[in-house]
Amino acid sequence: MADPINLRAAAPDPEPDFEAEIARRDEEILRLRDLLITRDAELGQTRGQLKIIEDHSERMSRLVARIPIPGLQWIASAVLRVLQASGRG
């Protein structure tokens, strides 16, 4: 039977290098933070582009509503619906 005092000496476990582990975790945190910032910027840019498209679509709809040519409003509305559907797809 092993002596309880010398158990640690009998089976030495390699002690983890805590500073190296902390450094690795810090690097991973920074990497993930940078990814999050990049994704957030991309999302903001996409939202801005969507807002521009919606504004243009609304302006065109108002313009078409003011044009008194028969059938033109129906054609323009159909084109706008197709453009809006392709922008969301």
PDB file of N, CA and C in Angstrom:
ATOM      1  N   MET A   1       0.848  -1.168   0.000  1.00  0.00           N
ATOM      2  CA  MET A   1       0.000   0.000   0.000  1.00  0.00           C
ATOM      3  C   MET A   1       0.898   1.237   0.000  1.00  0.00           C
ATOM      4  N   ALA A   2       0.500   2.226  -0.771  1.00  0.00           N
ATOM      5  CA  ALA A   2       1.319   3.425  -0.908  1.00  0.00           C
ATOM      6  C   ALA A   2       1.143   4.320   0.301  1.00  0.00           C
ATOM      7  N   ASP A   3       2.195   5.004   0.620  1.00  0.00           N
ATOM      8  CA  ASP A   3       2.181   5.951   1.729  1.00  0.00           C
ATOM      9  C   ASP A   3       1.358   7.169   1.302  1.00  0.00           C
ATOM     10  N   PRO A   4       0.316   7.579   2.092  1.00  0.00           N
ATOM     11  CA  PRO A   4      -0.543   8.696   1.685  1.00  0.00           C
ATOM     12  C   PRO A   4       0.229   9.999   1.497  1.00  0.00           C
ATOM     13  N   ILE A   5       1.306  10.166   2.187  1.00  0.00           N
ATOM     14  CA  ILE A   5       2.076  11.399   2.065  1.00  0.00           C
ATOM     15  C   ILE A   5       2.788  11.444   0.715  1.00  0.00           C
ATOM     16  N   ASN A   6       3.212  10.293   0.231  1.00  0.00           N
ATOM     17  CA  ASN A   6       3.978  10.242  -1.010  1.00  0.00           C
ATOM     18  C   ASN A   6       3.128   9.880  -2.233  1.00  0.00           C
ATOM     19  N   LEU A   7       1.824   9.942  -2.125  1.00  0.00           N
ATOM     20  CA  LEU A   7       0.968   9.618  -3.266  1.00  0.00           C
ATOM     21  C   LEU A   7       1.261  10.545  -4.452  1.00  0.00           C
ATOM     22  N   ARG A   8       1.421  11.814  -4.178  1.00  0.00           N
ATOM     23  CA  ARG A   8       1.673  12.786  -5.245  1.00  0.00           C
ATOM     24  C   ARG A   8       3.018  12.507  -5.922  1.00  0.00           C
ATOM     25  N   ALA A   9       3.991  12.130  -5.157  1.00  0.00           N
ATOM     26  CA  ALA A   9       5.311  11.833  -5.715  1.00  0.00           C
ATOM     27  C   ALA A   9       5.281  10.522  -6.491  1.00  0.00           C
ATOM     28  N   ALA A  10       4.410   9.610  -6.122  1.00  0.00           N
ATOM     29  CA  ALA A  10       4.337   8.321  -6.796  1.00  0.00           C
ATOM     30  C   ALA A  10       3.741   8.467  -8.197  1.00  0.00           C
ATOM     31  N   ALA A  11       2.746   9.325  -8.378  1.00  0.00           N
ATOM     32  CA  ALA A  11       2.112   9.517  -9.685  1.00  0.00           C
ATOM     33  C   ALA A  11       2.083  11.009  -9.999  1.00  0.00           C
ATOM     34  N   PRO A  12       3.185  11.535 -10.486  1.00  0.00           N
ATOM     35  CA  PRO A  12       3.217  12.978 -10.746  1.00  0.00           C
ATOM     36  C   PRO A  12       2.351  13.348 -11.953  1.00  0.00           C
ATOM     37  N   ASP A  13       1.433  14.256 -11.734  1.00  0.00           N
ATOM     38  CA  ASP A  13       0.600  14.780 -12.819  1.00  0.00           C
ATOM     39  C   ASP A  13       1.277  16.014 -13.386  1.00  0.00           C
ATOM     40  N   PRO A  14       1.339  16.100 -14.660  1.00  0.00           N
ATOM     41  CA  PRO A  14       1.922  17.319 -15.220  1.00  0.00           C
ATOM     42  C   PRO A  14       1.005  18.506 -14.915  1.00  0.00           C
ATOM     43  N   GLU A  15       1.571  19.504 -14.277  1.00  0.00           N
ATOM     44  CA  GLU A  15       0.775  20.673 -13.922  1.00  0.00           C
ATOM     45  C   GLU A  15       0.566  21.531 -15.157  1.00  0.00           C
ATOM     46  N   PRO A  16      -0.658  21.949 -15.363  1.00  0.00           N
ATOM     47  CA  PRO A  16      -0.914  22.783 -16.539  1.00  0.00           C
ATOM     48  C   PRO A  16      -0.247  24.148 -16.390  1.00  0.00           C
ATOM     49  N   ASP A  17       0.157  24.669 -17.492  1.00  0.00           N
ATOM     50  CA  ASP A  17       0.770  25.987 -17.503  1.00  0.00           C
ATOM     51  C   ASP A  17      -0.376  27.005 -17.538  1.00  0.00           C
ATOM     52  N   PHE A  18      -0.709  27.511 -16.362  1.00  0.00           N
ATOM     53  CA  PHE A  18      -1.881  28.382 -16.243  1.00  0.00           C
ATOM     54  C   PHE A  18      -1.728  29.677 -17.036  1.00  0.00           C
ATOM     55  N   GLU A  19      -0.549  30.236 -17.052  1.00  0.00           N
ATOM     56  CA  GLU A  19      -0.348  31.485 -17.780  1.00  0.00           C
ATOM     57  C   GLU A  19      -0.535  31.278 -19.284  1.00  0.00           C
ATOM     58  N   ALA A  20      -0.038  30.164 -19.790  1.00  0.00           N
ATOM     59  CA  ALA A  20      -0.193  29.871 -21.214  1.00  0.00           C
ATOM     60  C   ALA A  20      -1.665  29.637 -21.545  1.00  0.00           C
ATOM     61  N   GLU A  21      -2.371  28.957 -20.661  1.00  0.00           N
ATOM     62  CA  GLU A  21      -3.803  28.710 -20.869  1.00  0.00           C
ATOM     63  C   GLU A  21      -4.585  30.024 -20.861  1.00  0.00           C
ATOM     64  N   ILE A  22      -4.272  30.885 -19.952  1.00  0.00           N
ATOM     65  CA  ILE A  22      -4.938  32.193 -19.892  1.00  0.00           C
ATOM     66  C   ILE A  22      -4.639  32.997 -21.156  1.00  0.00           C
ATOM     67  N   ALA A  23      -3.407  32.945 -21.617  1.00  0.00           N
ATOM     68  CA  ALA A  23      -3.031  33.658 -22.847  1.00  0.00           C
ATOM     69  C   ALA A  23      -3.791  33.102 -24.044  1.00  0.00           C
ATOM     70  N   ARG A  24      -3.917  31.762 -24.127  1.00  0.00           N
ATOM     71  CA  ARG A  24      -4.678  31.153 -25.229  1.00  0.00           C
ATOM     72  C   ARG A  24      -6.139  31.573 -25.174  1.00  0.00           C
ATOM     73  N   ARG A  25      -6.705  31.587 -23.988  1.00  0.00           N
ATOM     74  CA  ARG A  25      -8.110  31.988 -23.844  1.00  0.00           C
ATOM     75  C   ARG A  25      -8.306  33.464 -24.193  1.00  0.00           C
ATOM     76  N   ASP A  26      -7.371  34.290 -23.784  1.00  0.00           N
ATOM     77  CA  ASP A  26      -7.454  35.719 -24.127  1.00  0.00           C
ATOM     78  C   ASP A  26      -7.409  35.919 -25.644  1.00  0.00           C
ATOM     79  N   GLU A  27      -6.530  35.175 -26.309  1.00  0.00           N
ATOM     80  CA  GLU A  27      -6.448  35.270 -27.769  1.00  0.00           C
ATOM     81  C   GLU A  27      -7.758  34.826 -28.420  1.00  0.00           C
ATOM     82  N   GLU A  28      -8.343  33.762 -27.897  1.00  0.00           N
ATOM     83  CA  GLU A  28      -9.618  33.268 -28.439  1.00  0.00           C
ATOM     84  C   GLU A  28     -10.737  34.277 -28.203  1.00  0.00           C
ATOM     85  N   ILE A  29     -10.746  34.881 -27.038  1.00  0.00           N
ATOM     86  CA  ILE A  29     -11.757  35.911 -26.740  1.00  0.00           C
ATOM     87  C   ILE A  29     -11.613  37.081 -27.704  1.00  0.00           C
ATOM     88  N   LEU A  30     -10.392  37.524 -27.940  1.00  0.00           N
ATOM     89  CA  LEU A  30     -10.157  38.624 -28.883  1.00  0.00           C
ATOM     90  C   LEU A  30     -10.579  38.242 -30.295  1.00  0.00           C
ATOM     91  N   ARG A  31     -10.284  37.016 -30.693  1.00  0.00           N
ATOM     92  CA  ARG A  31     -10.668  36.552 -32.030  1.00  0.00           C
ATOM     93  C   ARG A  31     -12.192  36.540 -32.184  1.00  0.00           C
ATOM     94  N   LEU A  32     -12.878  36.014 -31.185  1.00  0.00           N
ATOM     95  CA  LEU A  32     -14.338  35.961 -31.227  1.00  0.00           C
ATOM     96  C   LEU A  32     -14.954  37.359 -31.183  1.00  0.00           C
ATOM     97  N   ARG A  33     -14.335  38.254 -30.417  1.00  0.00           N
ATOM     98  CA  ARG A  33     -14.822  39.631 -30.356  1.00  0.00           C
ATOM     99  C   ARG A  33     -14.681  40.311 -31.715  1.00  0.00           C
ATOM    100  N   ASP A  34     -13.541  40.091 -32.364  1.00  0.00           N
ATOM    101  CA  ASP A  34     -13.333  40.666 -33.691  1.00  0.00           C
ATOM    102  C   ASP A  34     -14.343  40.122 -34.696  1.00  0.00           C
ATOM    103  N   LEU A  35     -14.639  38.827 -34.610  1.00  0.00           N
ATOM    104  CA  LEU A  35     -15.655  38.245 -35.492  1.00  0.00           C
ATOM    105  C   LEU A  35     -17.022  38.870 -35.240  1.00  0.00           C
ATOM    106  N   LEU A  36     -17.347  39.059 -33.983  1.00  0.00           N
ATOM    107  CA  LEU A  36     -18.635  39.665 -33.629  1.00  0.00           C
ATOM    108  C   LEU A  36     -18.732  41.101 -34.146  1.00  0.00           C
ATOM    109  N   ILE A  37     -17.677  41.855 -34.005  1.00  0.00           N
ATOM    110  CA  ILE A  37     -17.661  43.235 -34.490  1.00  0.00           C
ATOM    111  C   ILE A  37     -17.819  43.261 -36.008  1.00  0.00           C
ATOM    112  N   THR A  38     -17.133  42.347 -36.706  1.00  0.00           N
ATOM    113  CA  THR A  38     -17.233  42.275 -38.160  1.00  0.00           C
ATOM    114  C   THR A  38     -18.652  41.920 -38.589  1.00  0.00           C
ATOM    115  N   ARG A  39     -19.251  40.948 -37.933  1.00  0.00           N
ATOM    116  CA  ARG A  39     -20.627  40.546 -38.268  1.00  0.00           C
ATOM    117  C   ARG A  39     -21.608  41.675 -37.976  1.00  0.00           C
ATOM    118  N   ASP A  40     -21.389  42.381 -36.901  1.00  0.00           N
ATOM    119  CA  ASP A  40     -22.264  43.498 -36.555  1.00  0.00           C
ATOM    120  C   ASP A  40     -22.164  44.598 -37.611  1.00  0.00           C
ATOM    121  N   ALA A  41     -20.960  44.865 -38.097  1.00  0.00           N
ATOM    122  CA  ALA A  41     -20.780  45.869 -39.149  1.00  0.00           C
ATOM    123  C   ALA A  41     -21.455  45.424 -40.440  1.00  0.00           C
ATOM    124  N   GLU A  42     -21.314  44.150 -40.789  1.00  0.00           N
ATOM    125  CA  GLU A  42     -21.969  43.626 -41.992  1.00  0.00           C
ATOM    126  C   GLU A  42     -23.482  43.731 -41.870  1.00  0.00           C
ATOM    127  N   LEU A  43     -24.007  43.418 -40.702  1.00  0.00           N
ATOM    128  CA  LEU A  43     -25.451  43.508 -40.477  1.00  0.00           C
ATOM    129  C   LEU A  43     -25.922  44.950 -40.599  1.00  0.00           C
ATOM    130  N   GLY A  44     -25.179  45.888 -40.060  1.00  0.00           N
ATOM    131  CA  GLY A  44     -25.531  47.302 -40.176  1.00  0.00           C
ATOM    132  C   GLY A  44     -25.517  47.768 -41.619  1.00  0.00           C
ATOM    133  N   GLN A  45     -24.528  47.325 -42.383  1.00  0.00           N
ATOM    134  CA  GLN A  45     -24.447  47.693 -43.793  1.00  0.00           C
ATOM    135  C   GLN A  45     -25.635  47.114 -44.561  1.00  0.00           C
ATOM    136  N   THR A  46     -25.987  45.878 -44.301  1.00  0.00           N
ATOM    137  CA  THR A  46     -27.115  45.245 -44.975  1.00  0.00           C
ATOM    138  C   THR A  46     -28.419  45.929 -44.619  1.00  0.00           C
ATOM    139  N   ARG A  47     -28.583  46.296 -43.361  1.00  0.00           N
ATOM    140  CA  ARG A  47     -29.797  47.022 -42.957  1.00  0.00           C
ATOM    141  C   ARG A  47     -29.887  48.365 -43.657  1.00  0.00           C
ATOM    142  N   GLY A  48     -28.755  49.041 -43.801  1.00  0.00           N
ATOM    143  CA  GLY A  48     -28.734  50.322 -44.505  1.00  0.00           C
ATOM    144  C   GLY A  48     -29.120  50.161 -45.965  1.00  0.00           C
ATOM    145  N   GLN A  49     -28.598  49.125 -46.618  1.00  0.00           N
ATOM    146  CA  GLN A  49     -28.942  48.867 -48.012  1.00  0.00           C
ATOM    147  C   GLN A  49     -30.425  48.540 -48.158  1.00  0.00           C
ATOM    148  N   LEU A  50     -30.956  47.760 -47.239  1.00  0.00           N
ATOM    149  CA  LEU A  50     -32.381  47.423 -47.262  1.00  0.00           C
ATOM    150  C   LEU A  50     -33.234  48.670 -47.097  1.00  0.00           C
ATOM    151  N   LYS A  51     -32.836  49.547 -46.216  1.00  0.00           N
ATOM    152  CA  LYS A  51     -33.578  50.794 -46.001  1.00  0.00           C
ATOM    153  C   LYS A  51     -33.586  51.637 -47.274  1.00  0.00           C
ATOM    154  N   ILE A  52     -32.453  51.703 -47.981  1.00  0.00           N
ATOM    155  CA  ILE A  52     -32.374  52.457 -49.232  1.00  0.00           C
ATOM    156  C   ILE A  52     -33.318  51.851 -50.268  1.00  0.00           C
ATOM    157  N   ILE A  53     -33.317  50.532 -50.384  1.00  0.00           N
ATOM    158  CA  ILE A  53     -34.192  49.858 -51.347  1.00  0.00           C
ATOM    159  C   ILE A  53     -35.655  50.110 -51.005  1.00  0.00           C
ATOM    160  N   GLU A  54     -35.995  50.028 -49.718  1.00  0.00           N
ATOM    161  CA  GLU A  54     -37.381  50.285 -49.309  1.00  0.00           C
ATOM    162  C   GLU A  54     -37.789  51.720 -49.621  1.00  0.00           C
ATOM    163  N   ASP A  55     -36.900  52.670 -49.385  1.00  0.00           N
ATOM    164  CA  ASP A  55     -37.200  54.077 -49.678  1.00  0.00           C
ATOM    165  C   ASP A  55     -37.432  54.293 -51.168  1.00  0.00           C
ATOM    166  N   HIS A  56     -36.569  53.697 -52.003  1.00  0.00           N
ATOM    167  CA  HIS A  56     -36.731  53.840 -53.451  1.00  0.00           C
ATOM    168  C   HIS A  56     -38.038  53.197 -53.916  1.00  0.00           C
ATOM    169  N   SER A  57     -38.347  52.054 -53.344  1.00  0.00           N
ATOM    170  CA  SER A  57     -39.580  51.351 -53.699  1.00  0.00           C
ATOM    171  C   SER A  57     -40.802  52.192 -53.332  1.00  0.00           C
ATOM    172  N   GLU A  58     -40.770  52.782 -52.162  1.00  0.00           N
ATOM    173  CA  GLU A  58     -41.889  53.620 -51.727  1.00  0.00           C
ATOM    174  C   GLU A  58     -42.035  54.837 -52.638  1.00  0.00           C
ATOM    175  N   ARG A  59     -40.930  55.465 -52.998  1.00  0.00           N
ATOM    176  CA  ARG A  59     -40.983  56.622 -53.907  1.00  0.00           C
ATOM    177  C   ARG A  59     -41.557  56.240 -55.265  1.00  0.00           C
ATOM    178  N   MET A  60     -41.113  55.096 -55.786  1.00  0.00           N
ATOM    179  CA  MET A  60     -41.625  54.653 -57.081  1.00  0.00           C
ATOM    180  C   MET A  60     -43.110  54.343 -57.006  1.00  0.00           C
ATOM    181  N   SER A  61     -43.549  53.755 -55.923  1.00  0.00           N
ATOM    182  CA  SER A  61     -44.975  53.460 -55.757  1.00  0.00           C
ATOM    183  C   SER A  61     -45.795  54.741 -55.746  1.00  0.00           C
ATOM    184  N   ARG A  62     -45.314  55.759 -55.048  1.00  0.00           N
ATOM    185  CA  ARG A  62     -46.030  57.039 -55.024  1.00  0.00           C
ATOM    186  C   ARG A  62     -46.036  57.681 -56.409  1.00  0.00           C
ATOM    187  N   LEU A  63     -44.932  57.584 -57.113  1.00  0.00           N
ATOM    188  CA  LEU A  63     -44.847  58.161 -58.456  1.00  0.00           C
ATOM    189  C   LEU A  63     -45.811  57.456 -59.409  1.00  0.00           C
ATOM    190  N   VAL A  64     -45.841  56.139 -59.362  1.00  0.00           N
ATOM    191  CA  VAL A  64     -46.728  55.367 -60.234  1.00  0.00           C
ATOM    192  C   VAL A  64     -48.184  55.685 -59.928  1.00  0.00           C
ATOM    193  N   ALA A  65     -48.503  55.877 -58.670  1.00  0.00           N
ATOM    194  CA  ALA A  65     -49.890  56.194 -58.290  1.00  0.00           C
ATOM    195  C   ALA A  65     -50.330  57.533 -58.881  1.00  0.00           C
ATOM    196  N   ARG A  66     -49.396  58.419 -59.177  1.00  0.00           N
ATOM    197  CA  ARG A  66     -49.741  59.746 -59.708  1.00  0.00           C
ATOM    198  C   ARG A  66     -49.844  59.755 -61.231  1.00  0.00           C
ATOM    199  N   ILE A  67     -49.381  58.697 -61.893  1.00  0.00           N
ATOM    200  CA  ILE A  67     -49.408  58.651 -63.361  1.00  0.00           C
ATOM    201  C   ILE A  67     -50.783  58.147 -63.807  1.00  0.00           C
ATOM    202  N   PRO A  68     -51.484  58.925 -64.661  1.00  0.00           N
ATOM    203  CA  PRO A  68     -52.854  58.558 -65.030  1.00  0.00           C
ATOM    204  C   PRO A  68     -52.973  57.617 -66.233  1.00  0.00           C
ATOM    205  N   ILE A  69     -51.905  56.982 -66.692  1.00  0.00           N
ATOM    206  CA  ILE A  69     -51.968  56.089 -67.851  1.00  0.00           C
ATOM    207  C   ILE A  69     -52.610  54.767 -67.423  1.00  0.00           C
ATOM    208  N   PRO A  70     -53.703  54.359 -68.116  1.00  0.00           N
ATOM    209  CA  PRO A  70     -54.380  53.099 -67.749  1.00  0.00           C
ATOM    210  C   PRO A  70     -53.445  51.902 -67.930  1.00  0.00           C
ATOM    211  N   GLY A  71     -53.426  51.036 -66.980  1.00  0.00           N
ATOM    212  CA  GLY A  71     -52.622  49.825 -67.040  1.00  0.00           C
ATOM    213  C   GLY A  71     -51.185  50.005 -66.565  1.00  0.00           C
ATOM    214  N   LEU A  72     -50.668  51.221 -66.599  1.00  0.00           N
ATOM    215  CA  LEU A  72     -49.286  51.443 -66.194  1.00  0.00           C
ATOM    216  C   LEU A  72     -49.095  51.167 -64.699  1.00  0.00           C
ATOM    217  N   GLN A  73     -50.075  51.542 -63.921  1.00  0.00           N
ATOM    218  CA  GLN A  73     -49.968  51.327 -62.473  1.00  0.00           C
ATOM    219  C   GLN A  73     -49.916  49.830 -62.168  1.00  0.00           C
ATOM    220  N   TRP A  74     -50.722  49.050 -62.881  1.00  0.00           N
ATOM    221  CA  TRP A  74     -50.734  47.608 -62.641  1.00  0.00           C
ATOM    222  C   TRP A  74     -49.377  46.996 -63.020  1.00  0.00           C
ATOM    223  N   ILE A  75     -48.818  47.395 -64.168  1.00  0.00           N
ATOM    224  CA  ILE A  75     -47.529  46.872 -64.630  1.00  0.00           C
ATOM    225  C   ILE A  75     -46.413  47.280 -63.663  1.00  0.00           C
ATOM    226  N   ALA A  76     -46.405  48.542 -63.280  1.00  0.00           N
ATOM    227  CA  ALA A  76     -45.363  49.025 -62.375  1.00  0.00           C
ATOM    228  C   ALA A  76     -45.474  48.342 -61.013  1.00  0.00           C
ATOM    229  N   SER A  77     -46.691  48.129 -60.549  1.00  0.00           N
ATOM    230  CA  SER A  77     -46.882  47.441 -59.265  1.00  0.00           C
ATOM    231  C   SER A  77     -46.361  46.015 -59.343  1.00  0.00           C
ATOM    232  N   ALA A  78     -46.612  45.347 -60.470  1.00  0.00           N
ATOM    233  CA  ALA A  78     -46.123  43.979 -60.639  1.00  0.00           C
ATOM    234  C   ALA A  78     -44.596  43.951 -60.654  1.00  0.00           C
ATOM    235  N   VAL A  79     -43.988  44.904 -61.353  1.00  0.00           N
ATOM    236  CA  VAL A  79     -42.528  44.975 -61.393  1.00  0.00           C
ATOM    237  C   VAL A  79     -41.961  45.230 -60.001  1.00  0.00           C
ATOM    238  N   LEU A  80     -42.591  46.132 -59.263  1.00  0.00           N
ATOM    239  CA  LEU A  80     -42.121  46.424 -57.902  1.00  0.00           C
ATOM    240  C   LEU A  80     -42.245  45.200 -57.002  1.00  0.00           C
ATOM    241  N   ARG A  81     -43.347  44.447 -57.142  1.00  0.00           N
ATOM    242  CA  ARG A  81     -43.517  43.239 -56.328  1.00  0.00           C
ATOM    243  C   ARG A  81     -42.416  42.222 -56.634  1.00  0.00           C
ATOM    244  N   VAL A  82     -42.083  42.069 -57.926  1.00  0.00           N
ATOM    245  CA  VAL A  82     -41.026  41.137 -58.313  1.00  0.00           C
ATOM    246  C   VAL A  82     -39.687  41.594 -57.739  1.00  0.00           C
ATOM    247  N   LEU A  83     -39.398  42.900 -57.839  1.00  0.00           N
ATOM    248  CA  LEU A  83     -38.137  43.423 -57.304  1.00  0.00           C
ATOM    249  C   LEU A  83     -38.066  43.247 -55.791  1.00  0.00           C
ATOM    250  N   GLN A  84     -39.175  43.497 -55.121  1.00  0.00           N
ATOM    251  CA  GLN A  84     -39.180  43.354 -53.654  1.00  0.00           C
ATOM    252  C   GLN A  84     -39.008  41.895 -53.269  1.00  0.00           C
ATOM    253  N   ALA A  85     -39.653  40.988 -54.009  1.00  0.00           N
ATOM    254  CA  ALA A  85     -39.527  39.558 -53.704  1.00  0.00           C
ATOM    255  C   ALA A  85     -38.097  39.079 -53.938  1.00  0.00           C
ATOM    256  N   SER A  86     -37.459  39.561 -54.998  1.00  0.00           N
ATOM    257  CA  SER A  86     -36.087  39.117 -55.270  1.00  0.00           C
ATOM    258  C   SER A  86     -35.107  39.709 -54.256  1.00  0.00           C
ATOM    259  N   GLY A  87     -35.402  40.891 -53.708  1.00  0.00           N
ATOM    260  CA  GLY A  87     -34.547  41.484 -52.695  1.00  0.00           C
ATOM    261  C   GLY A  87     -34.623  40.785 -51.362  1.00  0.00           C
ATOM    262  N   ARG A  88     -35.721  40.138 -51.082  1.00  0.00           N
ATOM    263  CA  ARG A  88     -35.890  39.434 -49.796  1.00  0.00           C
ATOM    264  C   ARG A  88     -35.488  37.985 -49.882  1.00  0.00           C
ATOM    265  N   GLY A  89     -35.378  37.448 -51.066  1.00  0.00           N
ATOM    266  CA  GLY A  89     -35.091  36.018 -51.256  1.00  0.00           C
ATOM    267  C   GLY A  89     -33.701  35.686 -51.080  1.00  0.00           C
TER     268      GLY A  89
END
